[in-house]
N, C-alpha and C. Protein backbone atom coordinates (compact mmCIF):
# COMPACT_ATOMS: atom_id res chain seq x y z
N MET A 1 1.26 -1.69 -0.19
CA MET A 1 -0.04 -0.05 -0.05
C MET A 1 0.70 1.25 -0.17
N GLN A 2 0.61 2.51 -0.69
CA GLN A 2 0.95 3.77 -0.89
C GLN A 2 0.84 4.85 0.80
N SER A 3 1.84 5.49 0.07
CA SER A 3 1.80 6.84 1.19
C SER A 3 1.36 7.66 0.47
N LEU A 4 0.27 8.55 0.93
CA LEU A 4 -0.02 9.78 0.21
C LEU A 4 -0.07 11.29 0.96
N THR A 5 0.08 12.07 0.71
CA THR A 5 -0.04 13.35 1.11
C THR A 5 -1.00 14.11 0.62
N LEU A 6 -1.37 15.30 1.07
CA LEU A 6 -2.69 15.69 1.05
C LEU A 6 -2.47 17.13 1.40
N TYR A 7 -2.27 18.01 0.46
CA TYR A 7 -1.99 19.65 0.93
C TYR A 7 -3.53 19.94 0.68
N ILE A 8 -4.20 20.62 1.57
CA ILE A 8 -5.62 20.61 1.94
C ILE A 8 -5.93 22.24 2.09
N ASP A 9 -6.86 23.12 1.49
CA ASP A 9 -7.01 24.64 2.03
C ASP A 9 -8.40 24.97 1.75
N GLY A 10 -8.89 25.60 2.61
CA GLY A 10 -10.59 25.79 2.15
C GLY A 10 -10.65 27.06 2.47
N GLY A 11 -11.08 27.83 2.12
CA GLY A 11 -11.78 29.46 2.47
C GLY A 11 -13.10 30.07 1.95
N SER A 12 -13.48 30.97 2.77
CA SER A 12 -14.84 31.66 2.08
C SER A 12 -14.41 33.23 2.03
N ARG A 13 -15.34 33.82 1.31
CA ARG A 13 -14.71 35.26 0.92
C ARG A 13 -16.23 35.93 1.42
N GLY A 14 -15.84 36.46 2.59
CA GLY A 14 -16.85 36.80 3.88
C GLY A 14 -16.62 35.59 4.97
N ASN A 15 -17.16 35.81 6.09
CA ASN A 15 -17.17 34.70 6.87
C ASN A 15 -18.43 34.34 7.59
N PRO A 16 -19.45 34.11 7.58
CA PRO A 16 -19.34 33.35 6.26
C PRO A 16 -20.00 33.84 4.87
N GLY A 17 -19.25 33.14 4.04
CA GLY A 17 -19.78 33.94 2.44
C GLY A 17 -19.57 32.78 1.65
N PRO A 18 -19.29 32.93 -0.17
CA PRO A 18 -19.05 31.96 -1.08
C PRO A 18 -17.83 31.07 -0.23
N ALA A 19 -17.89 29.80 -0.46
CA ALA A 19 -16.60 29.18 0.41
C ALA A 19 -16.57 27.87 -1.07
N GLY A 20 -15.09 27.48 -0.79
CA GLY A 20 -14.80 26.40 -1.77
C GLY A 20 -13.69 25.80 -0.78
N TYR A 21 -13.15 24.70 -1.22
CA TYR A 21 -12.31 23.92 -0.96
C TYR A 21 -11.27 23.84 -2.30
N GLY A 22 -9.45 23.34 -1.74
CA GLY A 22 -8.81 22.50 -2.89
C GLY A 22 -7.99 21.79 -2.08
N VAL A 23 -7.76 20.49 -2.49
CA VAL A 23 -6.66 19.56 -2.36
C VAL A 23 -6.00 19.26 -3.41
N VAL A 24 -4.71 18.60 -3.09
CA VAL A 24 -3.28 18.60 -3.78
C VAL A 24 -3.09 17.41 -2.97
N ILE A 25 -3.34 16.12 -4.20
CA ILE A 25 -2.55 14.52 -3.49
C ILE A 25 -1.54 14.57 -4.33
N THR A 26 -0.24 13.76 -3.52
CA THR A 26 1.07 13.56 -3.83
C THR A 26 1.55 12.41 -3.65
N ASP A 27 2.08 11.93 -4.36
CA ASP A 27 2.77 10.72 -3.80
C ASP A 27 4.06 10.62 -3.19
N GLU A 28 4.82 9.65 -2.60
CA GLU A 28 5.82 9.45 -1.87
C GLU A 28 7.26 10.12 -2.69
N ALA A 29 6.84 10.16 -3.69
CA ALA A 29 8.10 10.88 -4.38
C ALA A 29 7.82 12.29 -4.89
N GLY A 30 6.62 12.78 -4.64
CA GLY A 30 6.36 14.41 -4.50
C GLY A 30 5.49 14.52 -5.80
N HIS A 31 5.27 13.55 -6.51
CA HIS A 31 4.68 13.86 -7.67
C HIS A 31 3.04 14.18 -7.30
N THR A 32 2.12 15.17 -8.07
CA THR A 32 0.60 14.60 -7.84
C THR A 32 0.25 13.90 -8.30
N VAL A 33 -0.80 13.10 -8.10
CA VAL A 33 -1.61 12.33 -8.36
C VAL A 33 -2.88 12.23 -8.26
N GLY A 34 -3.20 13.52 -8.08
CA GLY A 34 -4.77 13.94 -8.16
C GLY A 34 -5.12 15.37 -7.39
N THR A 35 -5.78 15.92 -7.99
CA THR A 35 -6.68 17.30 -7.10
C THR A 35 -7.67 17.31 -7.21
N LEU A 36 -8.43 17.72 -5.62
CA LEU A 36 -10.17 18.27 -5.83
C LEU A 36 -10.33 19.29 -5.54
N HIS A 37 -11.33 20.27 -6.09
CA HIS A 37 -11.63 21.53 -5.89
C HIS A 37 -13.29 21.30 -5.79
N ARG A 38 -14.14 22.12 -4.75
CA ARG A 38 -15.41 22.24 -4.78
C ARG A 38 -15.97 23.43 -4.17
N TYR A 39 -16.99 24.15 -4.69
CA TYR A 39 -17.86 24.96 -4.48
C TYR A 39 -18.71 24.61 -3.40
N LEU A 40 -18.52 25.39 -2.32
CA LEU A 40 -19.51 24.95 -0.57
C LEU A 40 -20.80 25.77 -0.79
N GLY A 41 -20.66 26.72 -1.13
CA GLY A 41 -21.99 27.93 -0.94
C GLY A 41 -21.86 29.00 0.23
N ARG A 42 -22.41 28.88 1.01
CA ARG A 42 -22.35 30.28 1.69
C ARG A 42 -21.95 29.39 3.11
N GLN A 43 -20.71 29.20 3.66
CA GLN A 43 -20.22 28.41 4.64
C GLN A 43 -18.96 29.83 5.29
N THR A 44 -18.31 29.00 5.73
CA THR A 44 -17.74 29.78 7.06
C THR A 44 -16.12 29.00 6.55
N ASN A 45 -14.86 29.82 6.68
CA ASN A 45 -13.77 29.31 6.26
C ASN A 45 -13.13 27.87 6.88
N ASN A 46 -13.59 27.77 8.08
CA ASN A 46 -13.51 26.46 8.82
C ASN A 46 -14.28 25.31 8.60
N TYR A 47 -15.57 25.50 7.87
CA TYR A 47 -16.03 24.44 7.70
C TYR A 47 -15.42 24.14 6.32
N ALA A 48 -15.44 25.08 5.71
CA ALA A 48 -14.41 24.90 4.15
C ALA A 48 -12.89 23.86 4.40
N GLU A 49 -12.28 24.78 5.62
CA GLU A 49 -10.97 23.75 6.03
C GLU A 49 -11.67 22.11 5.89
N TYR A 50 -12.51 21.91 6.94
CA TYR A 50 -12.90 20.54 7.24
C TYR A 50 -13.45 20.17 5.84
N SER A 51 -14.16 20.73 5.60
CA SER A 51 -14.93 19.78 4.10
C SER A 51 -13.59 19.14 3.05
N ALA A 52 -12.75 20.32 3.40
CA ALA A 52 -11.18 19.80 2.35
C ALA A 52 -10.36 18.90 2.73
N LEU A 53 -10.70 18.59 3.97
CA LEU A 53 -9.84 17.35 4.93
C LEU A 53 -11.03 15.98 4.89
N LEU A 54 -11.62 16.50 4.57
CA LEU A 54 -13.15 15.26 4.65
C LEU A 54 -12.72 14.23 3.08
N ALA A 55 -13.01 15.44 2.19
CA ALA A 55 -12.91 14.97 0.92
C ALA A 55 -11.45 14.28 0.48
N GLY A 56 -10.23 15.31 1.06
CA GLY A 56 -9.15 14.13 0.79
C GLY A 56 -8.69 13.03 1.26
N LEU A 57 -8.95 13.14 2.56
CA LEU A 57 -9.24 11.55 3.47
C LEU A 57 -10.23 10.42 2.53
N GLU A 58 -11.06 10.96 2.22
CA GLU A 58 -12.00 9.93 1.02
C GLU A 58 -11.28 9.91 -0.01
N CYS A 59 -10.77 10.14 -0.44
CA CYS A 59 -10.27 10.09 -1.83
C CYS A 59 -8.63 9.09 -1.72
N ALA A 60 -7.91 9.70 -0.54
CA ALA A 60 -7.05 8.93 -0.47
C ALA A 60 -7.39 7.47 0.36
N ARG A 61 -8.31 7.15 0.64
CA ARG A 61 -9.02 5.85 1.09
C ARG A 61 -9.03 5.22 -0.50
N GLU A 62 -10.16 6.00 -1.41
CA GLU A 62 -10.70 4.97 -2.50
C GLU A 62 -9.19 4.75 -3.13
N MET A 63 -8.05 5.72 -3.14
CA MET A 63 -7.00 5.63 -3.67
C MET A 63 -5.97 4.30 -3.54
N GLY A 64 -6.56 3.61 -2.16
CA GLY A 64 -5.74 2.73 -1.83
C GLY A 64 -4.50 3.07 -0.46
N ALA A 65 -4.56 4.44 -0.34
CA ALA A 65 -3.41 4.59 0.82
C ALA A 65 -3.91 4.25 2.10
N ALA A 66 -2.21 3.62 2.39
CA ALA A 66 -2.01 2.95 4.06
C ALA A 66 -1.88 4.20 4.79
N ARG A 67 -0.97 5.17 4.70
CA ARG A 67 -0.39 6.39 5.49
C ARG A 67 -1.02 6.79 4.60
N VAL A 68 -1.15 8.52 5.63
CA VAL A 68 -1.54 10.05 5.04
C VAL A 68 -1.09 10.36 5.85
N ARG A 69 -0.46 11.82 5.10
CA ARG A 69 -0.29 13.04 5.60
C ARG A 69 -0.58 13.98 5.22
N VAL A 70 -1.31 14.88 6.34
CA VAL A 70 -2.12 15.88 5.68
C VAL A 70 -1.04 17.09 5.80
N VAL A 71 -1.11 17.77 5.33
CA VAL A 71 -0.40 19.32 5.13
C VAL A 71 -1.47 20.89 5.03
N ALA A 72 -1.79 21.34 6.22
CA ALA A 72 -2.91 22.12 6.23
C ALA A 72 -2.09 23.70 6.65
N ASP A 73 -2.63 25.13 6.41
CA ASP A 73 -2.36 26.41 6.42
C ASP A 73 -3.17 26.52 7.67
N SER A 74 -4.44 25.54 8.10
CA SER A 74 -5.52 26.21 9.35
C SER A 74 -4.78 25.54 10.56
N GLU A 75 -4.14 26.56 11.24
CA GLU A 75 -3.63 26.21 12.67
C GLU A 75 -5.10 25.50 13.62
N LEU A 76 -5.97 26.35 13.44
CA LEU A 76 -7.21 25.85 14.44
C LEU A 76 -7.23 24.31 13.75
N LEU A 77 -7.64 23.95 12.56
CA LEU A 77 -8.40 22.94 11.67
C LEU A 77 -6.72 21.64 12.37
N VAL A 78 -5.38 21.84 12.31
CA VAL A 78 -4.76 20.85 12.91
C VAL A 78 -4.86 20.86 13.93
N ARG A 79 -4.58 22.04 15.06
CA ARG A 79 -4.56 21.44 16.41
C ARG A 79 -5.62 20.90 17.18
N GLN A 80 -6.90 21.18 16.17
CA GLN A 80 -8.19 20.38 16.75
C GLN A 80 -7.83 18.91 16.46
N MET A 81 -7.44 18.22 15.48
CA MET A 81 -7.21 17.17 14.43
C MET A 81 -5.86 16.41 15.64
N GLN A 82 -5.18 17.29 16.04
CA GLN A 82 -3.97 16.53 17.01
C GLN A 82 -4.76 16.42 18.46
N GLY A 83 -5.62 17.06 18.55
CA GLY A 83 -6.14 17.06 19.95
C GLY A 83 -5.63 18.15 21.19
N ARG A 84 -4.86 18.87 20.41
CA ARG A 84 -4.54 20.33 21.21
C ARG A 84 -5.73 21.30 21.60
N TYR A 85 -6.34 21.49 20.30
CA TYR A 85 -7.67 22.56 20.71
C TYR A 85 -9.26 21.57 20.72
N GLN A 86 -10.01 21.89 21.69
CA GLN A 86 -11.49 21.24 21.76
C GLN A 86 -12.17 22.30 20.44
N VAL A 87 -13.11 21.45 19.98
CA VAL A 87 -14.04 21.79 19.04
C VAL A 87 -15.02 22.26 19.61
N ARG A 88 -15.37 23.53 19.77
CA ARG A 88 -16.29 23.99 20.48
C ARG A 88 -17.49 23.97 19.86
N SER A 89 -17.49 24.67 18.37
CA SER A 89 -18.66 24.89 17.34
C SER A 89 -19.33 24.19 17.26
N PRO A 90 -20.77 24.02 17.45
CA PRO A 90 -21.48 22.93 16.62
C PRO A 90 -21.42 23.01 15.55
N LEU A 91 -21.13 23.68 14.50
CA LEU A 91 -21.07 23.42 13.44
C LEU A 91 -19.95 22.45 12.72
N LEU A 92 -19.08 22.86 13.41
CA LEU A 92 -17.62 22.11 13.23
C LEU A 92 -17.48 20.48 13.83
N ARG A 93 -18.47 20.58 14.81
CA ARG A 93 -18.25 19.28 15.76
C ARG A 93 -18.47 17.78 14.89
N PRO A 94 -19.39 17.92 14.15
CA PRO A 94 -19.87 16.16 13.12
C PRO A 94 -18.43 16.37 11.81
N LEU A 95 -18.04 17.32 11.64
CA LEU A 95 -17.49 17.33 10.86
C LEU A 95 -16.09 16.87 11.40
N TYR A 96 -15.34 17.05 12.50
CA TYR A 96 -14.50 16.87 13.12
C TYR A 96 -14.36 15.44 13.43
N GLU A 97 -15.31 15.33 13.71
CA GLU A 97 -16.15 13.40 14.13
C GLU A 97 -15.78 12.64 13.06
N GLN A 98 -16.47 13.53 11.93
CA GLN A 98 -16.17 12.68 11.09
C GLN A 98 -14.78 12.06 10.26
N ALA A 99 -13.97 13.46 10.27
CA ALA A 99 -12.39 13.50 10.33
C ALA A 99 -11.79 12.71 10.80
N ARG A 100 -11.83 12.73 12.43
CA ARG A 100 -11.21 11.32 12.84
C ARG A 100 -11.32 10.19 12.91
N ALA A 101 -13.00 9.73 12.45
CA ALA A 101 -13.01 8.61 12.02
C ALA A 101 -12.38 8.03 10.73
N ARG A 102 -12.46 9.07 9.78
CA ARG A 102 -11.74 9.00 8.17
C ARG A 102 -10.45 8.67 9.03
N ALA A 103 -9.87 9.47 9.32
CA ALA A 103 -8.57 9.30 9.76
C ALA A 103 -8.15 7.92 10.31
N GLY A 104 -8.77 7.26 11.36
CA GLY A 104 -8.66 6.43 12.09
C GLY A 104 -8.56 4.71 10.95
N GLN A 105 -9.38 5.38 9.53
CA GLN A 105 -8.65 3.84 9.03
C GLN A 105 -7.61 3.22 8.16
N PHE A 106 -6.90 4.61 8.16
CA PHE A 106 -5.49 4.60 7.60
C PHE A 106 -4.52 3.69 8.85
N GLU A 107 -3.45 3.03 8.35
CA GLU A 107 -2.67 2.55 9.21
C GLU A 107 -1.63 3.42 10.01
N GLN A 108 -1.57 4.26 9.52
CA GLN A 108 -0.85 5.81 9.81
C GLN A 108 -1.70 7.22 9.33
N PHE A 109 -1.77 7.73 10.22
CA PHE A 109 -2.47 9.34 9.77
C PHE A 109 -1.50 10.51 10.41
N GLU A 110 -0.83 11.53 10.11
CA GLU A 110 -0.37 12.41 10.37
C GLU A 110 -0.94 13.81 9.81
N ILE A 111 -1.06 15.29 10.68
CA ILE A 111 -1.19 16.22 10.23
C ILE A 111 -0.37 17.24 10.41
N GLY A 112 -0.01 18.51 9.51
CA GLY A 112 1.13 19.33 10.20
C GLY A 112 0.60 20.28 9.59
N HIS A 113 0.94 21.75 10.51
CA HIS A 113 1.02 22.98 10.03
C HIS A 113 1.83 23.37 9.01
N VAL A 114 1.30 24.17 8.09
CA VAL A 114 2.63 25.03 7.44
C VAL A 114 1.81 26.35 7.04
N ARG A 115 3.13 27.63 6.71
CA ARG A 115 2.23 28.60 6.42
C ARG A 115 1.36 28.90 5.00
N ARG A 116 0.65 29.58 4.53
CA ARG A 116 -0.04 29.71 3.62
C ARG A 116 1.14 29.63 2.77
N GLU A 117 2.59 30.28 2.47
CA GLU A 117 3.21 30.26 1.18
C GLU A 117 3.28 28.86 0.66
N LYS A 118 3.61 27.87 1.28
CA LYS A 118 3.93 26.49 1.31
C LYS A 118 2.73 25.54 0.74
N ASN A 119 1.46 26.05 0.92
CA ASN A 119 0.19 26.03 0.39
C ASN A 119 -0.16 26.62 -0.55
N ARG A 120 0.38 26.94 -1.57
CA ARG A 120 -0.27 27.65 -2.55
C ARG A 120 -0.77 27.16 -3.39
N GLU A 121 -0.67 25.48 -4.33
CA GLU A 121 -1.47 25.02 -4.85
C GLU A 121 -2.72 24.63 -4.71
N ALA A 122 -3.05 23.86 -3.18
CA ALA A 122 -4.67 23.76 -2.49
C ALA A 122 -4.99 25.26 -2.47
N ASP A 123 -4.22 26.12 -2.25
CA ASP A 123 -5.08 27.63 -2.37
C ASP A 123 -5.75 27.90 -3.48
N LYS A 124 -4.81 27.84 -4.40
CA LYS A 124 -5.60 28.06 -6.03
C LYS A 124 -6.50 27.52 -6.41
N LEU A 125 -6.67 26.36 -5.79
CA LEU A 125 -7.80 25.14 -5.95
C LEU A 125 -9.21 25.85 -5.30
N ALA A 126 -8.83 26.20 -4.28
CA ALA A 126 -10.03 26.61 -3.37
C ALA A 126 -10.40 28.02 -4.02
N ASN A 127 -9.72 28.96 -4.63
CA ASN A 127 -9.73 30.13 -4.97
C ASN A 127 -10.85 29.72 -6.31
N LEU A 128 -10.40 28.65 -7.48
CA LEU A 128 -10.88 28.57 -8.23
C LEU A 128 -12.17 27.91 -8.34
N ALA A 129 -12.68 27.46 -6.99
CA ALA A 129 -13.47 26.45 -6.36
C ALA A 129 -15.00 27.68 -6.41
N MET A 130 -13.86 28.83 -5.64
CA MET A 130 -14.93 29.58 -5.51
C MET A 130 -15.16 30.97 -6.19
N ASP A 131 -14.79 30.80 -7.37
CA ASP A 131 -14.55 31.40 -8.53
C ASP A 131 -15.76 30.94 -9.21
N GLU A 132 -15.69 29.51 -9.13
CA GLU A 132 -16.56 28.74 -10.16
C GLU A 132 -17.76 28.90 -9.32
N GLY A 133 -18.10 28.98 -8.14
CA GLY A 133 -19.40 28.45 -7.84
C GLY A 133 -20.02 30.52 -7.67
N SER A 134 -19.15 31.45 -7.76
CA SER A 134 -19.79 32.95 -7.86
C SER A 134 -20.09 33.77 -9.47
N GLN A 135 -19.48 32.44 -10.33
CA GLN A 135 -20.27 32.74 -11.78
C GLN A 135 -21.47 32.65 -11.89
N PRO A 136 -22.58 33.52 -12.75
CA PRO A 136 -23.98 33.58 -12.84
C PRO A 136 -23.88 32.09 -13.35
N SER A 137 -24.86 31.85 -13.27
CA SER A 137 -25.58 30.37 -13.99
C SER A 137 -25.86 30.77 -15.68
N PRO A 138 -25.39 30.04 -16.48
CA PRO A 138 -26.03 30.37 -17.77
C PRO A 138 -27.06 30.84 -18.50
N GLN A 139 -27.31 31.78 -19.01
CA GLN A 139 -28.82 32.14 -19.91
C GLN A 139 -28.97 31.43 -21.04
N ILE A 140 -30.02 30.47 -20.67
CA ILE A 140 -29.91 30.10 -22.14
C ILE A 140 -31.37 30.48 -23.11
N SER A 141 -31.66 30.95 -23.98
CA SER A 141 -32.21 31.62 -24.75
C SER A 141 -32.66 30.89 -26.11
N ILE A 142 -34.18 30.29 -26.35
CA ILE A 142 -34.22 29.74 -27.50
C ILE A 142 -35.18 30.50 -28.37
N GLY A 143 -34.74 30.56 -29.35
CA GLY A 143 -35.40 31.02 -30.47
C GLY A 143 -35.25 32.41 -30.94
């Protein structure tokens, strides 16, 4: 089984506001083997961060990873997942519990914090998701 690294980021424009996440998945050699991004509607940035984590963990499981390392620029999410901070938000509590359950499905799980500059690709994907979601629906005109 393989080891994967997930670079995750979530954001919102306004808090809450239009939100999205991005995930970059790399293999042991550091090569990108997948990316994810999704618009989430009106949410908080912390909701978007947890959504990125959940999506990345699910994808890693589907890819057959045994070991997962998560890299995030959200100090709150990282410290909550490490058990260093409590999860007090009723909005985040179910997401946290799902993330802990998914993390427990791997032989090895670790999560660490990086500065935003070290997480640029995931940030670009999160912004792409927000951009896509904020585009007006196409107007269809017949005849």
